[in-house]
Protein backbone atom coordinates (compact mmCIF):
# COMPACT_ATOMS: atom_id res chain seq x y z
CA MET A 1 -9.81 -63.77 -101.37
CA ARG A 2 -6.00 -63.46 -101.51
CA PRO A 3 -4.21 -65.05 -98.49
CA ARG A 4 -2.83 -61.73 -97.31
CA LEU A 5 -6.17 -59.99 -97.51
CA ALA A 6 -7.89 -62.96 -95.91
CA ARG A 7 -5.48 -62.80 -92.95
CA ARG A 8 -6.08 -59.05 -92.54
CA ALA A 9 -9.83 -59.48 -92.84
CA ALA A 10 -9.72 -62.20 -90.19
CA ARG A 11 -7.77 -59.92 -87.87
CA CYS A 12 -10.29 -57.17 -88.45
CA VAL A 13 -13.15 -59.55 -87.59
CA ALA A 14 -11.38 -60.55 -84.40
CA LEU A 15 -11.02 -56.87 -83.46
CA LEU A 16 -14.70 -56.19 -84.12
CA SER A 17 -15.69 -59.21 -82.08
CA ALA A 18 -13.68 -57.95 -79.12
CA LEU A 19 -15.58 -54.68 -79.34
CA GLY A 20 -18.90 -56.48 -79.42
CA LEU A 21 -19.65 -55.35 -82.97
CA ALA A 22 -19.22 -58.61 -84.82
CA GLY A 23 -22.12 -61.02 -85.14
CA GLY A 24 -23.94 -63.35 -87.43
CA ALA A 25 -22.38 -65.91 -89.73
CA LEU A 26 -18.66 -66.11 -90.35
CA GLY A 27 -19.15 -65.35 -94.02
CA GLN A 28 -21.05 -62.14 -93.17
CA ASP A 29 -18.28 -61.14 -90.75
CA GLU A 30 -15.61 -61.63 -93.42
CA ARG A 31 -17.58 -59.63 -95.96
CA ALA A 32 -18.06 -56.82 -93.42
CA ALA A 33 -14.37 -56.83 -92.55
CA ARG A 34 -13.37 -56.77 -96.22
CA GLU A 35 -15.77 -53.87 -96.85
CA GLN A 36 -14.23 -51.96 -93.87
CA LEU A 37 -10.73 -52.62 -95.23
CA ASP A 38 -11.78 -51.33 -98.69
CA ALA A 39 -13.41 -48.28 -97.06
CA LEU A 40 -10.20 -47.66 -95.10
CA GLY A 41 -8.21 -47.76 -98.36
CA GLN A 42 -10.56 -45.20 -99.89
CA GLN A 43 -10.33 -42.94 -96.82
CA ILE A 44 -6.52 -43.10 -96.96
CA GLU A 45 -6.46 -42.33 -100.69
CA SER A 46 -8.62 -39.27 -100.06
CA LEU A 47 -6.40 -38.28 -97.11
CA ASN A 48 -3.29 -38.57 -99.33
CA THR A 49 -4.80 -36.08 -101.77
CA ARG A 50 -5.41 -33.53 -99.03
CA LEU A 51 -1.95 -34.00 -97.50
CA SER A 52 -0.27 -33.66 -100.88
CA ASN A 53 -1.47 -30.09 -101.17
CA THR A 54 0.45 -28.90 -98.10
CA GLY A 55 4.03 -28.89 -96.86
CA GLN A 56 5.43 -28.85 -100.37
CA ALA A 57 7.76 -26.45 -102.23
CA ARG A 58 8.59 -23.06 -100.63
CA ASP A 59 9.67 -21.04 -103.67
CA SER A 60 9.43 -21.06 -107.44
CA ALA A 61 12.61 -23.12 -107.95
CA GLU A 62 11.39 -25.84 -105.58
CA ARG A 63 7.94 -25.80 -107.17
CA GLU A 64 9.67 -26.33 -110.48
CA LEU A 65 11.66 -29.17 -109.00
CA GLN A 66 8.46 -30.73 -107.65
CA ALA A 67 6.80 -30.43 -111.07
CA VAL A 68 9.71 -31.85 -113.06
CA GLU A 69 10.38 -34.76 -110.63
CA THR A 70 6.68 -35.61 -110.60
CA GLU A 71 6.69 -35.63 -114.38
CA LEU A 72 9.80 -37.80 -114.39
CA ALA A 73 8.17 -40.34 -112.10
CA GLN A 74 5.12 -40.47 -114.34
CA THR A 75 7.28 -40.86 -117.43
CA HIS A 76 9.22 -43.74 -115.82
CA GLN A 77 5.92 -45.39 -114.99
CA ARG A 78 4.66 -44.98 -118.52
CA LEU A 79 7.89 -46.40 -119.93
CA ASP A 80 7.70 -49.40 -117.61
CA ARG A 81 4.10 -49.98 -118.60
CA LEU A 82 4.94 -49.71 -122.33
CA GLN A 83 7.94 -52.01 -121.96
CA ALA A 84 5.85 -54.58 -120.14
CA GLU A 85 3.22 -54.34 -122.87
CA ARG A 86 5.87 -54.81 -125.52
CA ARG A 87 7.22 -57.89 -123.74
CA THR A 88 3.69 -59.30 -123.65
CA LEU A 89 3.23 -58.60 -127.37
CA ASP A 90 6.61 -60.15 -128.16
CA ASP A 91 5.60 -63.30 -126.27
CA GLU A 92 2.24 -63.43 -128.01
CA THR A 93 3.96 -62.96 -131.37
CA GLN A 94 6.37 -65.81 -130.70
CA THR A 95 3.50 -68.07 -129.59
CA LEU A 96 1.55 -67.21 -132.80
CA ARG A 97 4.60 -67.93 -134.95
CA ARG A 98 5.12 -71.31 -133.30
CA HIS A 99 1.41 -72.05 -133.85
CA ARG A 100 1.70 -71.03 -137.48
CA ASP A 101 4.74 -73.31 -137.96
CA ARG A 102 2.83 -76.25 -136.44
CA LEU A 103 -0.14 -75.57 -138.70
CA GLN A 104 2.09 -75.41 -141.78
CA ALA A 105 3.80 -78.66 -140.83
CA GLU A 106 0.43 -80.31 -140.27
CA ARG A 107 -0.82 -78.99 -143.58
CA SER A 108 2.22 -80.38 -145.34
CA VAL A 109 1.53 -83.85 -143.88
CA GLN A 110 -2.12 -83.64 -144.99
CA VAL A 111 -1.16 -82.57 -148.55
CA THR A 112 1.25 -85.54 -148.80
CA ALA A 113 -1.39 -87.95 -147.57
CA LEU A 114 -3.94 -86.52 -150.00
CA ALA A 115 -1.50 -86.80 -152.88
CA GLN A 116 -1.06 -90.52 -152.08
CA GLN A 117 -4.82 -91.00 -152.10
CA PHE A 118 -5.14 -89.25 -155.50
CA ALA A 119 -2.33 -91.44 -156.83
CA ALA A 120 -4.19 -94.59 -155.72
CA LEU A 121 -7.37 -93.32 -157.40
CA TYR A 122 -5.46 -92.47 -160.57
CA ARG A 123 -4.12 -96.01 -160.82
CA LEU A 124 -7.71 -97.32 -160.73
CA GLY A 125 -8.55 -95.20 -163.74
CA PRO A 126 -11.24 -92.64 -164.42
CA THR A 127 -14.23 -95.00 -163.81
CA PRO A 128 -13.18 -97.52 -161.14
CA GLN A 129 -16.77 -98.51 -160.23
CA LEU A 130 -17.54 -99.48 -163.88
CA LYS A 131 -14.34 -101.52 -164.14
CA LEU A 132 -15.26 -103.39 -160.98
CA LEU A 133 -18.65 -104.35 -162.44
CA LEU A 134 -17.12 -105.49 -165.72
CA ASN A 135 -14.03 -107.32 -164.40
CA GLN A 136 -15.21 -108.91 -161.16
CA SER A 137 -17.20 -112.17 -161.34
CA ASP A 138 -17.10 -112.81 -157.59
CA PRO A 139 -19.83 -110.70 -155.80
CA ALA A 140 -17.96 -110.91 -152.46
CA GLU A 141 -14.81 -109.50 -154.05
CA LEU A 142 -16.94 -106.82 -155.71
CA ASP A 143 -18.32 -105.81 -152.31
CA ARG A 144 -14.81 -105.67 -150.78
CA MET A 145 -13.50 -103.47 -153.57
CA GLN A 146 -16.54 -101.19 -153.37
CA ALA A 147 -16.05 -100.83 -149.61
CA TYR A 148 -12.37 -99.94 -150.30
CA LEU A 149 -13.37 -97.29 -152.80
CA ASN A 150 -15.92 -95.84 -150.40
CA ARG A 151 -13.35 -95.64 -147.60
CA LEU A 152 -10.86 -94.00 -149.97
CA THR A 153 -13.49 -91.44 -151.05
CA ARG A 154 -14.39 -90.62 -147.40
CA ALA A 155 -10.72 -90.35 -146.46
CA ARG A 156 -10.12 -88.00 -149.39
CA GLU A 157 -13.08 -85.83 -148.38
CA ALA A 158 -11.84 -85.76 -144.75
CA LYS A 159 -8.37 -84.72 -145.89
CA LEU A 160 -9.87 -81.96 -148.02
CA ASP A 161 -11.98 -80.76 -145.10
CA GLU A 162 -8.89 -80.82 -142.82
CA LEU A 163 -6.92 -78.85 -145.38
CA ALA A 164 -9.69 -76.28 -145.58
CA ARG A 165 -9.69 -75.98 -141.74
CA LEU A 166 -5.88 -75.64 -141.69
CA ASP A 167 -6.00 -72.93 -144.38
CA THR A 168 -8.57 -71.01 -142.35
CA ALA A 169 -6.52 -71.36 -139.19
CA LEU A 170 -3.38 -70.26 -141.00
CA ALA A 171 -5.15 -67.21 -142.42
CA ASP A 172 -6.46 -66.29 -138.94
CA THR A 173 -3.00 -66.75 -137.44
CA GLU A 174 -1.39 -64.60 -140.10
CA ALA A 175 -4.00 -61.87 -139.48
CA GLU A 176 -3.29 -61.97 -135.72
CA LEU A 177 0.47 -61.78 -136.45
CA ASP A 178 -0.08 -58.74 -138.65
CA GLN A 179 -2.13 -57.13 -135.85
CA ARG A 180 0.58 -57.80 -133.29
CA GLN A 181 3.23 -56.38 -135.65
CA SER A 182 1.17 -53.24 -136.10
CA GLN A 183 0.74 -52.89 -132.33
CA LEU A 184 4.47 -53.40 -131.79
CA ALA A 185 5.25 -50.68 -134.35
CA THR A 186 2.89 -48.27 -132.64
CA LEU A 187 4.35 -49.19 -129.27
CA SER A 188 7.89 -48.67 -130.47
CA GLU A 189 7.01 -45.16 -131.63
CA GLU A 190 5.44 -44.40 -128.23
CA LEU A 191 8.53 -45.75 -126.47
CA GLU A 192 10.75 -43.50 -128.55
CA THR A 193 8.57 -40.52 -127.71
CA GLN A 194 8.56 -41.28 -124.00
CA SER A 195 12.35 -41.92 -124.00
CA ALA A 196 12.96 -38.54 -125.66
CA MET A 197 10.64 -36.90 -123.12
CA LEU A 198 12.53 -38.63 -120.29
CA ALA A 199 15.87 -37.32 -121.57
CA GLU A 200 14.49 -33.80 -121.97
CA THR A 201 12.91 -33.81 -118.48
CA SER A 202 16.10 -35.22 -116.90
CA ALA A 203 18.10 -32.40 -118.41
CA GLU A 204 15.56 -29.89 -117.15
CA ARG A 205 15.83 -31.42 -113.68
CA GLN A 206 19.61 -31.03 -113.68
CA SER A 207 19.22 -27.36 -114.50
CA VAL A 208 16.72 -26.88 -111.64
CA VAL A 209 19.00 -28.69 -109.17
CA ALA A 210 21.92 -26.49 -110.19
CA THR A 211 19.78 -23.39 -109.65
CA LEU A 212 18.83 -24.60 -106.19
CA ASP A 213 22.47 -25.28 -105.28
CA ASP A 214 23.59 -21.86 -106.50
CA ARG A 215 21.31 -20.02 -104.09
CA TYR A 216 23.48 -20.83 -101.07
CA GLU A 217 26.17 -18.25 -100.36
CA SER A 218 27.89 -20.44 -97.78
CA GLU A 219 27.88 -23.95 -96.29
CA ALA A 220 26.21 -22.51 -93.17
CA ASP A 221 23.31 -21.27 -95.32
CA ARG A 222 22.97 -24.69 -96.88
CA LEU A 223 22.92 -26.48 -93.48
CA ALA A 224 20.41 -23.96 -92.12
CA ASP A 225 18.11 -24.63 -95.06
CA LEU A 226 18.52 -28.40 -94.62
CA ASN A 227 17.51 -28.21 -90.97
CA GLN A 228 14.56 -25.94 -91.80
CA THR A 229 13.50 -28.49 -94.38
CA ARG A 230 13.71 -31.22 -91.73
CA GLU A 231 11.54 -29.19 -89.33
CA GLU A 232 8.91 -28.66 -92.03
CA ALA A 233 9.04 -32.36 -92.94
CA GLU A 234 8.60 -33.30 -89.29
CA ALA A 235 5.51 -31.06 -89.06
CA GLN A 236 4.11 -32.70 -92.19
CA LEU A 237 4.79 -36.22 -90.91
CA ARG A 238 3.17 -35.36 -87.58
CA ARG A 239 0.15 -34.14 -89.49
CA ILE A 240 -0.02 -37.42 -91.38
CA GLN A 241 0.18 -39.38 -88.08
CA ALA A 242 -2.59 -37.20 -86.59
CA GLU A 243 -4.82 -37.58 -89.64
CA MET A 244 -4.36 -41.34 -89.52
CA ALA A 245 -5.31 -41.36 -85.84
CA ARG A 246 -8.55 -39.53 -86.70
CA LEU A 247 -9.68 -42.11 -89.16
CA ALA A 248 -12.87 -43.90 -88.20
CA GLU A 249 -11.12 -47.30 -88.48
CA ALA A 250 -7.44 -47.80 -87.62
CA THR A 251 -5.27 -49.94 -89.83
CA PRO A 252 -5.53 -53.49 -88.47
CA THR A 253 -2.45 -54.77 -86.65
CA THR A 254 0.12 -56.69 -88.73
CA HIS A 255 2.11 -57.66 -85.64
CA ILE A 256 5.16 -55.89 -86.97
CA GLY A 257 6.55 -55.62 -83.44
CA ARG A 258 7.20 -59.37 -83.42
CA THR A 259 9.56 -59.03 -86.37
CA GLN A 260 11.82 -56.36 -84.81
CA GLY A 261 15.41 -57.20 -85.71
CA ASP A 262 14.31 -59.61 -88.46
CA LEU A 263 12.76 -57.34 -91.09
CA PRO A 264 14.19 -57.68 -94.58
CA TRP A 265 16.01 -54.78 -96.14
CA PRO A 266 13.92 -52.62 -98.49
CA VAL A 267 16.85 -52.67 -100.95
CA GLN A 268 20.33 -54.19 -100.80
CA GLY A 269 23.25 -51.81 -100.47
CA ALA A 270 25.75 -50.15 -98.15
CA ILE A 271 24.54 -47.61 -95.57
CA SER A 272 26.03 -44.26 -96.54
CA ALA A 273 24.36 -42.29 -93.76
CA GLY A 274 23.32 -43.74 -90.40
CA PHE A 275 20.57 -42.79 -87.98
CA ARG A 276 21.11 -39.27 -86.57
CA GLY A 277 24.33 -39.18 -88.60
CA GLN A 278 23.83 -36.01 -90.60
CA ASP A 279 21.78 -32.89 -91.02
CA GLY A 280 18.58 -32.43 -92.99
CA VAL A 281 15.74 -34.88 -93.58
CA HIS A 282 18.14 -37.81 -93.44
CA TYR A 283 18.72 -37.17 -89.75
CA ASN A 284 15.95 -39.55 -88.58
CA GLY A 285 16.68 -42.57 -90.79
CA ILE A 286 19.34 -44.26 -92.90
CA VAL A 287 20.44 -43.81 -96.49
CA ILE A 288 21.09 -47.03 -98.45
CA GLU A 289 23.18 -46.84 -101.58
CA ALA A 290 21.62 -48.54 -104.61
CA GLY A 291 21.48 -48.07 -108.38
CA ALA A 292 18.76 -46.01 -110.00
CA ASN A 293 15.65 -48.06 -110.96
CA THR A 294 16.43 -50.80 -108.41
CA PRO A 295 13.16 -52.22 -107.05
CA VAL A 296 12.27 -51.11 -103.49
CA THR A 297 10.17 -53.60 -101.50
CA ALA A 298 7.98 -53.23 -98.43
CA VAL A 299 9.71 -54.59 -95.34
CA HIS A 300 6.40 -55.78 -93.86
CA GLU A 301 2.75 -55.94 -94.84
CA GLY A 302 0.65 -52.85 -94.34
CA ARG A 303 -1.19 -50.16 -96.22
CA VAL A 304 0.23 -47.22 -98.18
CA VAL A 305 -0.93 -44.00 -96.54
CA PHE A 306 1.12 -41.49 -98.53
CA ALA A 307 2.67 -41.63 -102.04
CA ASP A 308 3.58 -38.22 -103.37
CA TRP A 309 6.37 -35.64 -103.66
CA MET A 310 7.46 -33.89 -100.46
CA ARG A 311 10.07 -31.20 -100.06
CA GLY A 312 13.41 -32.68 -98.95
CA PHE A 313 12.22 -36.27 -99.51
CA GLY A 314 11.27 -36.10 -103.16
CA ASN A 315 8.93 -38.94 -104.08
CA LEU A 316 8.01 -40.28 -100.65
CA LEU A 317 5.98 -43.41 -99.86
CA ILE A 318 4.75 -44.20 -96.32
CA ILE A 319 3.33 -47.54 -95.15
CA ASP A 320 1.23 -47.88 -92.02
CA HIS A 321 1.69 -51.30 -90.46
CA GLY A 322 -0.84 -50.87 -87.66
CA ASP A 323 0.06 -50.56 -83.98
CA GLN A 324 1.20 -46.99 -84.79
CA VAL A 325 4.26 -48.23 -86.69
CA MET A 326 5.11 -46.65 -90.04
CA THR A 327 7.98 -47.05 -92.50
CA LEU A 328 9.08 -44.31 -94.90
CA TYR A 329 10.80 -44.73 -98.30
CA ALA A 330 12.12 -41.56 -99.93
CA HIS A 331 13.91 -40.24 -103.07
CA LEU A 332 12.09 -42.81 -105.18
CA GLN A 333 12.34 -42.60 -108.94
CA GLN A 334 8.73 -43.72 -109.27
CA PHE A 335 5.93 -45.38 -107.32
CA SER A 336 4.74 -48.95 -107.86
CA ALA A 337 1.92 -48.65 -105.26
CA ARG A 338 -0.65 -45.97 -104.62
CA ALA A 339 -2.15 -44.44 -101.48
CA GLY A 340 -4.78 -46.70 -99.91
CA GLN A 341 -3.33 -49.86 -101.42
CA ALA A 342 -2.61 -52.87 -99.22
CA VAL A 343 0.88 -54.26 -99.79
CA GLY A 344 2.62 -57.44 -98.61
CA ALA A 345 6.09 -58.04 -97.29
CA GLY A 346 8.55 -58.16 -100.15
CA GLU A 347 6.11 -56.54 -102.60
CA GLU A 348 7.59 -53.85 -104.88
CA ILE A 349 6.44 -50.37 -103.91
CA GLY A 350 8.77 -48.18 -105.99
CA ARG A 351 12.18 -47.79 -107.62
CA VAL A 352 15.40 -46.23 -106.27
CA GLY A 353 15.96 -42.70 -107.54
CA ASN A 354 17.40 -39.30 -106.69
CA SER A 355 14.24 -37.23 -106.38
CA GLY A 356 14.17 -34.37 -103.95
CA GLY A 357 17.14 -32.74 -105.64
CA GLN A 358 19.62 -35.44 -104.69
CA ARG A 359 22.82 -35.75 -106.67
CA ARG A 360 23.08 -39.55 -106.51
CA ALA A 361 20.49 -42.34 -106.49
CA ALA A 362 19.92 -43.86 -103.04
CA LEU A 363 17.05 -44.92 -100.79
CA TYR A 364 16.23 -43.07 -97.59
CA PHE A 365 14.49 -45.42 -95.14
CA GLU A 366 12.91 -44.49 -91.83
CA VAL A 367 10.87 -46.25 -89.13
CA ARG A 368 8.48 -44.42 -86.81
CA ASN A 369 6.79 -45.80 -83.73
CA ARG A 370 3.91 -43.71 -82.31
CA GLY A 371 5.11 -40.82 -84.45
CA GLU A 372 8.72 -40.88 -83.14
CA PRO A 373 11.62 -41.87 -85.41
CA ILE A 374 13.59 -44.87 -84.19
CA ASN A 375 16.81 -46.42 -85.50
CA PRO A 376 15.87 -48.61 -88.53
CA GLU A 377 18.94 -50.76 -87.93
CA ARG A 378 17.21 -52.09 -84.83
CA TRP A 379 14.36 -53.40 -87.00
CA ILE A 380 16.02 -54.72 -90.13
CA ALA A 381 18.03 -57.97 -90.04
CA ARG A 382 21.78 -57.91 -89.63
CA ARG A 383 23.82 -58.92 -92.67
């Protein structure tokens, strides 16, 4: 069991014991706790599917934005997976080449040694055993020379066997190298296809965002729409909180309250919008400037309860830390964790992006306690 999961399972066992439900051997308790944690993850994954079907785009343009940004996130994930696979294949290819070079060097040594043995046999002539019988009068000397010839013959046979083994190993290595080269060629073609798709989808997204911006006749209309979006988002977030409260088993405590004021930043960067500092969905959290594709990490251990596109937030991921504390990470380019998954502090959960129709890449970060937004700067460490 991983240390993080073991700690959470142990906390779950302690909770069950307090309720008078835990009993039997410690191993059975741990298994039961782990099964409950797995069941909780499955419940949350199912809940995420239901929640994803509500509170989304209002009109055709926003539905198109949702579709295109969802496709972009999936394309980025595919590209990352393909690039990781290519790095693995490159490493394997380099390892195989080094192995081939060692085999070739070893074979060269064996060939040289075998050549020396053949030269020694050649100097003895075509029938060394007969010469020994005819030229040696001392039986002891005859025995010594015969033993020498026997050793030379065995050594020659061993070298020939070793050469055959090395030839087979070299052939196998070359075949593996050819296979890796073929896989790399196929992978390169797929990467080119996905990159072209990414460029095409990005251009389509820009067109959709421009269409959305053009629908406002005045700044007042834009602000009114932003605030309406915030109200709808609030309703959706309250629904998520209520659905989580109705689960048969609550997320075990992670004691996040003890870390208030010391939590790490989800991403490094300047705060471009503070808590309650502007209109729209950003009103209840902070916006941290960061480059696109920068890894976003969980500020504390917990379980992902939502990972999907939401109007105003774009690609939004929510982590439940137990004790009715949740953290929100929005405008992600892609997800690195799925709903129902347990994550640890500092674990990558996504990448910085501009989903939700944002013009620039940045991370929106929010903290909620008992469903109410609180200033994230009170929780994360000062720099």
